[in-house]
C-alpha atoms as a PDB file:
ATOM      1  CA  MET A   1     -61.707  22.455   9.517  1.00  0.00           C
ATOM      2  CA  ALA A   2     -61.890  22.055  13.280  1.00  0.00           C
ATOM      3  CA  ASN A   3     -59.788  18.917  13.135  1.00  0.00           C
ATOM      4  CA  ALA A   4     -57.138  20.709  11.093  1.00  0.00           C
ATOM      5  CA  LYS A   5     -56.935  23.489  13.688  1.00  0.00           C
ATOM      6  CA  ARG A   6     -56.633  20.890  16.454  1.00  0.00           C
ATOM      7  CA  MET A   7     -53.932  18.959  14.617  1.00  0.00           C
ATOM      8  CA  GLY A   8     -52.118  22.167  13.822  1.00  0.00           C
ATOM      9  CA  SER A   9     -52.237  23.231  17.412  1.00  0.00           C
ATOM     10  CA  LEU A  10     -51.153  19.791  18.637  1.00  0.00           C
ATOM     11  CA  LEU A  11     -48.228  19.680  16.221  1.00  0.00           C
ATOM     12  CA  LEU A  12     -47.030  23.164  17.177  1.00  0.00           C
ATOM     13  CA  ARG A  13     -47.348  22.343  20.863  1.00  0.00           C
ATOM     14  CA  LEU A  14     -45.427  19.104  20.509  1.00  0.00           C
ATOM     15  CA  ILE A  15     -42.611  20.948  18.581  1.00  0.00           C
ATOM     16  CA  ALA A  16     -42.607  23.711  21.216  1.00  0.00           C
ATOM     17  CA  PHE A  17     -42.434  21.239  24.045  1.00  0.00           C
ATOM     18  CA  GLY A  18     -39.624  19.356  22.392  1.00  0.00           C
ATOM     19  CA  ALA A  19     -37.612  22.486  21.646  1.00  0.00           C
ATOM     20  CA  THR A  20     -37.959  23.980  25.144  1.00  0.00           C
ATOM     21  CA  LEU A  21     -37.194  20.697  26.828  1.00  0.00           C
ATOM     22  CA  THR A  22     -34.156  20.160  24.639  1.00  0.00           C
ATOM     23  CA  ALA A  23     -32.988  23.708  25.444  1.00  0.00           C
ATOM     24  CA  VAL A  24     -33.156  22.928  29.155  1.00  0.00           C
ATOM     25  CA  LEU A  25     -31.503  19.528  28.985  1.00  0.00           C
ATOM     26  CA  VAL A  26     -28.647  20.769  26.781  1.00  0.00           C
ATOM     27  CA  MET A  27     -28.045  23.852  28.917  1.00  0.00           C
ATOM     28  CA  VAL A  28     -28.109  21.900  32.189  1.00  0.00           C
ATOM     29  CA  THR A  29     -25.534  19.456  30.899  1.00  0.00           C
ATOM     30  CA  ALA A  30     -23.263  22.155  29.545  1.00  0.00           C
ATOM     31  CA  ARG A  31     -19.914  21.935  31.293  1.00  0.00           C
ATOM     32  CA  ASP A  32     -16.234  21.923  30.460  1.00  0.00           C
ATOM     33  CA  THR A  33     -12.963  22.178  32.337  1.00  0.00           C
ATOM     34  CA  ALA A  34     -10.047  24.398  31.457  1.00  0.00           C
ATOM     35  CA  THR A  35      -6.598  24.317  33.014  1.00  0.00           C
ATOM     36  CA  PHE A  36      -4.370  27.376  33.186  1.00  0.00           C
ATOM     37  CA  PHE A  37      -0.956  26.344  34.434  1.00  0.00           C
ATOM     38  CA  THR A  38      -1.883  24.551  37.661  1.00  0.00           C
ATOM     39  CA  VAL A  39      -5.284  26.168  38.170  1.00  0.00           C
ATOM     40  CA  SER A  40      -8.278  24.196  36.916  1.00  0.00           C
ATOM     41  CA  TYR A  41     -11.659  25.816  36.213  1.00  0.00           C
ATOM     42  CA  GLU A  42     -14.989  24.132  35.453  1.00  0.00           C
ATOM     43  CA  ALA A  43     -17.484  26.166  33.495  1.00  0.00           C
ATOM     44  CA  ARG A  44     -21.139  25.300  34.215  1.00  0.00           C
ATOM     45  CA  TYR A  45     -24.413  26.879  33.347  1.00  0.00           C
ATOM     46  CA  SER A  46     -25.005  27.614  37.031  1.00  0.00           C
ATOM     47  CA  ASP A  47     -22.031  29.969  37.087  1.00  0.00           C
ATOM     48  CA  THR A  48     -24.027  32.558  35.262  1.00  0.00           C
ATOM     49  CA  PRO A  49     -27.295  34.111  36.523  1.00  0.00           C
ATOM     50  CA  ALA A  50     -28.583  34.654  32.974  1.00  0.00           C
ATOM     51  CA  PHE A  51     -28.140  30.965  32.136  1.00  0.00           C
ATOM     52  CA  LYS A  52     -29.910  29.962  35.424  1.00  0.00           C
ATOM     53  CA  TYR A  53     -32.743  32.315  34.451  1.00  0.00           C
ATOM     54  CA  PHE A  54     -32.834  30.691  30.985  1.00  0.00           C
ATOM     55  CA  VAL A  55     -33.092  27.237  32.544  1.00  0.00           C
ATOM     56  CA  ILE A  56     -35.779  28.264  35.053  1.00  0.00           C
ATOM     57  CA  VAL A  57     -37.959  30.007  32.412  1.00  0.00           C
ATOM     58  CA  TYR A  58     -37.595  27.228  29.869  1.00  0.00           C
ATOM     59  CA  THR A  59     -38.350  24.599  32.508  1.00  0.00           C
ATOM     60  CA  ILE A  60     -41.532  26.399  33.516  1.00  0.00           C
ATOM     61  CA  VAL A  61     -42.616  26.775  29.891  1.00  0.00           C
ATOM     62  CA  SER A  62     -41.824  23.097  29.229  1.00  0.00           C
ATOM     63  CA  ILE A  63     -44.010  22.012  32.131  1.00  0.00           C
ATOM     64  CA  TYR A  64     -46.789  24.299  30.923  1.00  0.00           C
ATOM     65  CA  GLY A  65     -46.451  22.980  27.407  1.00  0.00           C
ATOM     66  CA  PHE A  66     -46.654  19.425  28.635  1.00  0.00           C
ATOM     67  CA  LEU A  67     -49.775  20.089  30.713  1.00  0.00           C
ATOM     68  CA  VAL A  68     -51.573  21.894  27.918  1.00  0.00           C
ATOM     69  CA  LEU A  69     -51.107  18.842  25.656  1.00  0.00           C
ATOM     70  CA  PHE A  70     -53.692  17.040  27.814  1.00  0.00           C
ATOM     71  CA  LEU A  71     -56.307  19.815  27.884  1.00  0.00           C
ATOM     72  CA  PRO A  72     -59.511  18.739  26.133  1.00  0.00           C
ATOM     73  CA  TRP A  73     -60.263  20.831  23.085  1.00  0.00           C
ATOM     74  CA  GLU A  74     -63.858  21.454  24.252  1.00  0.00           C
ATOM     75  CA  SER A  75     -62.686  23.057  27.524  1.00  0.00           C
ATOM     76  CA  LEU A  76     -63.360  26.701  28.207  1.00  0.00           C
ATOM     77  CA  LEU A  77     -59.819  26.936  29.544  1.00  0.00           C
ATOM     78  CA  TRP A  78     -58.508  27.386  26.006  1.00  0.00           C
ATOM     79  CA  GLN A  79     -59.382  31.032  26.304  1.00  0.00           C
ATOM     80  CA  LEU A  80     -57.036  31.253  29.254  1.00  0.00           C
ATOM     81  CA  VAL A  81     -54.451  29.292  27.280  1.00  0.00           C
ATOM     82  CA  VAL A  82     -54.344  32.039  24.685  1.00  0.00           C
ATOM     83  CA  ALA A  83     -53.446  34.524  27.360  1.00  0.00           C
ATOM     84  CA  LEU A  84     -50.929  32.129  29.007  1.00  0.00           C
ATOM     85  CA  ASP A  85     -49.299  31.432  25.604  1.00  0.00           C
ATOM     86  CA  PHE A  86     -48.683  35.085  25.214  1.00  0.00           C
ATOM     87  CA  VAL A  87     -47.262  35.466  28.735  1.00  0.00           C
ATOM     88  CA  PHE A  88     -45.014  32.484  28.317  1.00  0.00           C
ATOM     89  CA  THR A  89     -43.867  33.694  24.940  1.00  0.00           C
ATOM     90  CA  MET A  90     -42.721  36.902  26.575  1.00  0.00           C
ATOM     91  CA  LEU A  91     -41.000  34.941  29.320  1.00  0.00           C
ATOM     92  CA  LEU A  92     -39.177  32.900  26.636  1.00  0.00           C
ATOM     93  CA  THR A  93     -38.148  36.121  24.944  1.00  0.00           C
ATOM     94  CA  SER A  94     -36.633  37.487  28.126  1.00  0.00           C
ATOM     95  CA  GLY A  95     -34.894  34.245  28.992  1.00  0.00           C
ATOM     96  CA  ALA A  96     -33.401  33.787  25.549  1.00  0.00           C
ATOM     97  CA  SER A  97     -32.351  37.454  25.386  1.00  0.00           C
ATOM     98  CA  ALA A  98     -30.569  37.328  28.723  1.00  0.00           C
ATOM     99  CA  ALA A  99     -28.749  34.076  27.870  1.00  0.00           C
ATOM    100  CA  LEU A 100     -27.849  35.342  24.407  1.00  0.00           C
ATOM    101  CA  ALA A 101     -26.301  38.513  25.842  1.00  0.00           C
ATOM    102  CA  ILE A 102     -24.092  36.524  28.218  1.00  0.00           C
ATOM    103  CA  ALA A 103     -23.216  33.976  25.470  1.00  0.00           C
ATOM    104  CA  TYR A 104     -22.062  36.832  23.260  1.00  0.00           C
ATOM    105  CA  VAL A 105     -19.802  38.171  26.044  1.00  0.00           C
ATOM    106  CA  GLY A 106     -18.437  34.630  26.596  1.00  0.00           C
ATOM    107  CA  LYS A 107     -17.712  34.342  22.821  1.00  0.00           C
ATOM    108  CA  LYS A 108     -16.427  37.758  22.013  1.00  0.00           C
ATOM    109  CA  GLY A 109     -15.604  39.312  25.363  1.00  0.00           C
ATOM    110  CA  ASN A 110     -15.989  43.038  26.069  1.00  0.00           C
ATOM    111  CA  PRO A 111     -12.654  44.845  25.733  1.00  0.00           C
ATOM    112  CA  ASN A 112     -14.154  48.126  27.063  1.00  0.00           C
ATOM    113  CA  ALA A 113     -15.018  46.432  30.376  1.00  0.00           C
ATOM    114  CA  GLY A 114     -11.891  44.283  30.391  1.00  0.00           C
ATOM    115  CA  TRP A 115     -13.845  41.010  29.994  1.00  0.00           C
ATOM    116  CA  LEU A 116     -11.990  38.358  28.028  1.00  0.00           C
ATOM    117  CA  PRO A 117     -13.711  35.765  25.873  1.00  0.00           C
ATOM    118  CA  ILE A 118     -13.764  32.297  27.469  1.00  0.00           C
ATOM    119  CA  CYS A 119     -14.960  30.069  24.538  1.00  0.00           C
ATOM    120  CA  GLY A 120     -11.341  29.499  23.474  1.00  0.00           C
ATOM    121  CA  GLN A 121     -10.649  27.835  26.835  1.00  0.00           C
ATOM    122  CA  VAL A 122     -13.952  25.911  27.230  1.00  0.00           C
ATOM    123  CA  PRO A 123     -15.197  25.188  23.740  1.00  0.00           C
ATOM    124  CA  LYS A 124     -17.415  22.202  24.681  1.00  0.00           C
ATOM    125  CA  TYR A 125     -19.260  24.344  27.161  1.00  0.00           C
ATOM    126  CA  CYS A 126     -19.750  27.192  24.620  1.00  0.00           C
ATOM    127  CA  ASN A 127     -20.870  24.750  21.906  1.00  0.00           C
ATOM    128  CA  GLN A 128     -23.478  23.235  24.234  1.00  0.00           C
ATOM    129  CA  ALA A 129     -24.708  26.681  25.268  1.00  0.00           C
ATOM    130  CA  THR A 130     -24.990  27.580  21.598  1.00  0.00           C
ATOM    131  CA  VAL A 131     -27.109  24.486  20.903  1.00  0.00           C
ATOM    132  CA  ALA A 132     -29.311  25.237  23.877  1.00  0.00           C
ATOM    133  CA  LEU A 133     -29.830  28.812  22.632  1.00  0.00           C
ATOM    134  CA  VAL A 134     -30.685  27.591  19.132  1.00  0.00           C
ATOM    135  CA  ALA A 135     -33.201  25.138  20.573  1.00  0.00           C
ATOM    136  CA  GLY A 136     -34.535  27.934  22.778  1.00  0.00           C
ATOM    137  CA  PHE A 137     -34.989  30.240  19.871  1.00  0.00           C
ATOM    138  CA  ILE A 138     -36.778  27.529  17.909  1.00  0.00           C
ATOM    139  CA  GLY A 139     -39.150  27.135  20.874  1.00  0.00           C
ATOM    140  CA  LEU A 140     -39.646  30.889  21.011  1.00  0.00           C
ATOM    141  CA  ILE A 141     -40.505  31.002  17.275  1.00  0.00           C
ATOM    142  CA  VAL A 142     -42.957  28.108  17.641  1.00  0.00           C
ATOM    143  CA  TYR A 143     -44.595  29.712  20.701  1.00  0.00           C
ATOM    144  CA  THR A 144     -44.997  32.921  18.694  1.00  0.00           C
ATOM    145  CA  MET A 145     -46.700  30.883  15.988  1.00  0.00           C
ATOM    146  CA  LEU A 146     -48.809  29.213  18.700  1.00  0.00           C
ATOM    147  CA  VAL A 147     -49.974  32.628  19.947  1.00  0.00           C
ATOM    148  CA  LEU A 148     -51.085  33.595  16.473  1.00  0.00           C
ATOM    149  CA  HIS A 149     -52.697  30.178  15.913  1.00  0.00           C
ATOM    150  CA  SER A 150     -54.455  30.255  19.303  1.00  0.00           C
ATOM    151  CA  ILE A 151     -55.825  33.732  18.659  1.00  0.00           C
ATOM    152  CA  HIS A 152     -57.219  32.603  15.340  1.00  0.00           C
ATOM    153  CA  ALA A 153     -58.535  29.253  16.514  1.00  0.00           C
ATOM    154  CA  VAL A 154     -60.038  30.242  19.894  1.00  0.00           C
ATOM    155  CA  LEU A 155     -61.004  33.862  19.616  1.00  0.00           C
ATOM    156  CA  ASN A 156     -62.095  34.050  15.983  1.00  0.00           C
ATOM    157  CA  PRO A 157     -65.326  32.062  16.542  1.00  0.00           C
ATOM    158  CA  LEU A 158     -66.157  34.362  19.470  1.00  0.00           C
ATOM    159  CA  LEU A 159     -65.763  37.460  17.268  1.00  0.00           C
ATOM    160  CA  LEU A 160     -67.980  36.047  14.534  1.00  0.00           C
ATOM    161  CA  GLN A 161     -70.962  35.246  16.762  1.00  0.00           C
ATOM    162  CA  LYS A 162     -74.053  37.388  16.242  1.00  0.00           C
ATOM    163  CA  SER A 163     -75.424  38.991  19.372  1.00  0.00           C
END
């Protein structure tokens, strides 16, 4: 049973690492150029603070996810990992939410504020941002599952001990 928990945790952590790293790499490489008459404009992720925040958060979580892969299962640090998984899941939620809000404005615009949609002019950029957001949400869902798995695997034995 302990091996099944370890393998489940390892599998979830590998998927989470892959999803968050993919989200970062796709978002960082997202760029496209549009020309309006003689004016050329290049859209990049770094033009938007919400996308920068997304990249920063997902990079931090990717590094954390990579480091935790090498933590021995017998270590007492796993109790800290439960708390850190929760904190990083909340960070992923905030990063994905901020990026999704800006992506929606880029796709649909906001006529009340006078903001026009840009995805018609820079479709490659918008498609890459969409792929990054999908990978980011997959990572977020897997981290949520990891929190639940970690609580069950690490804290459950502590609660069952007789004092």
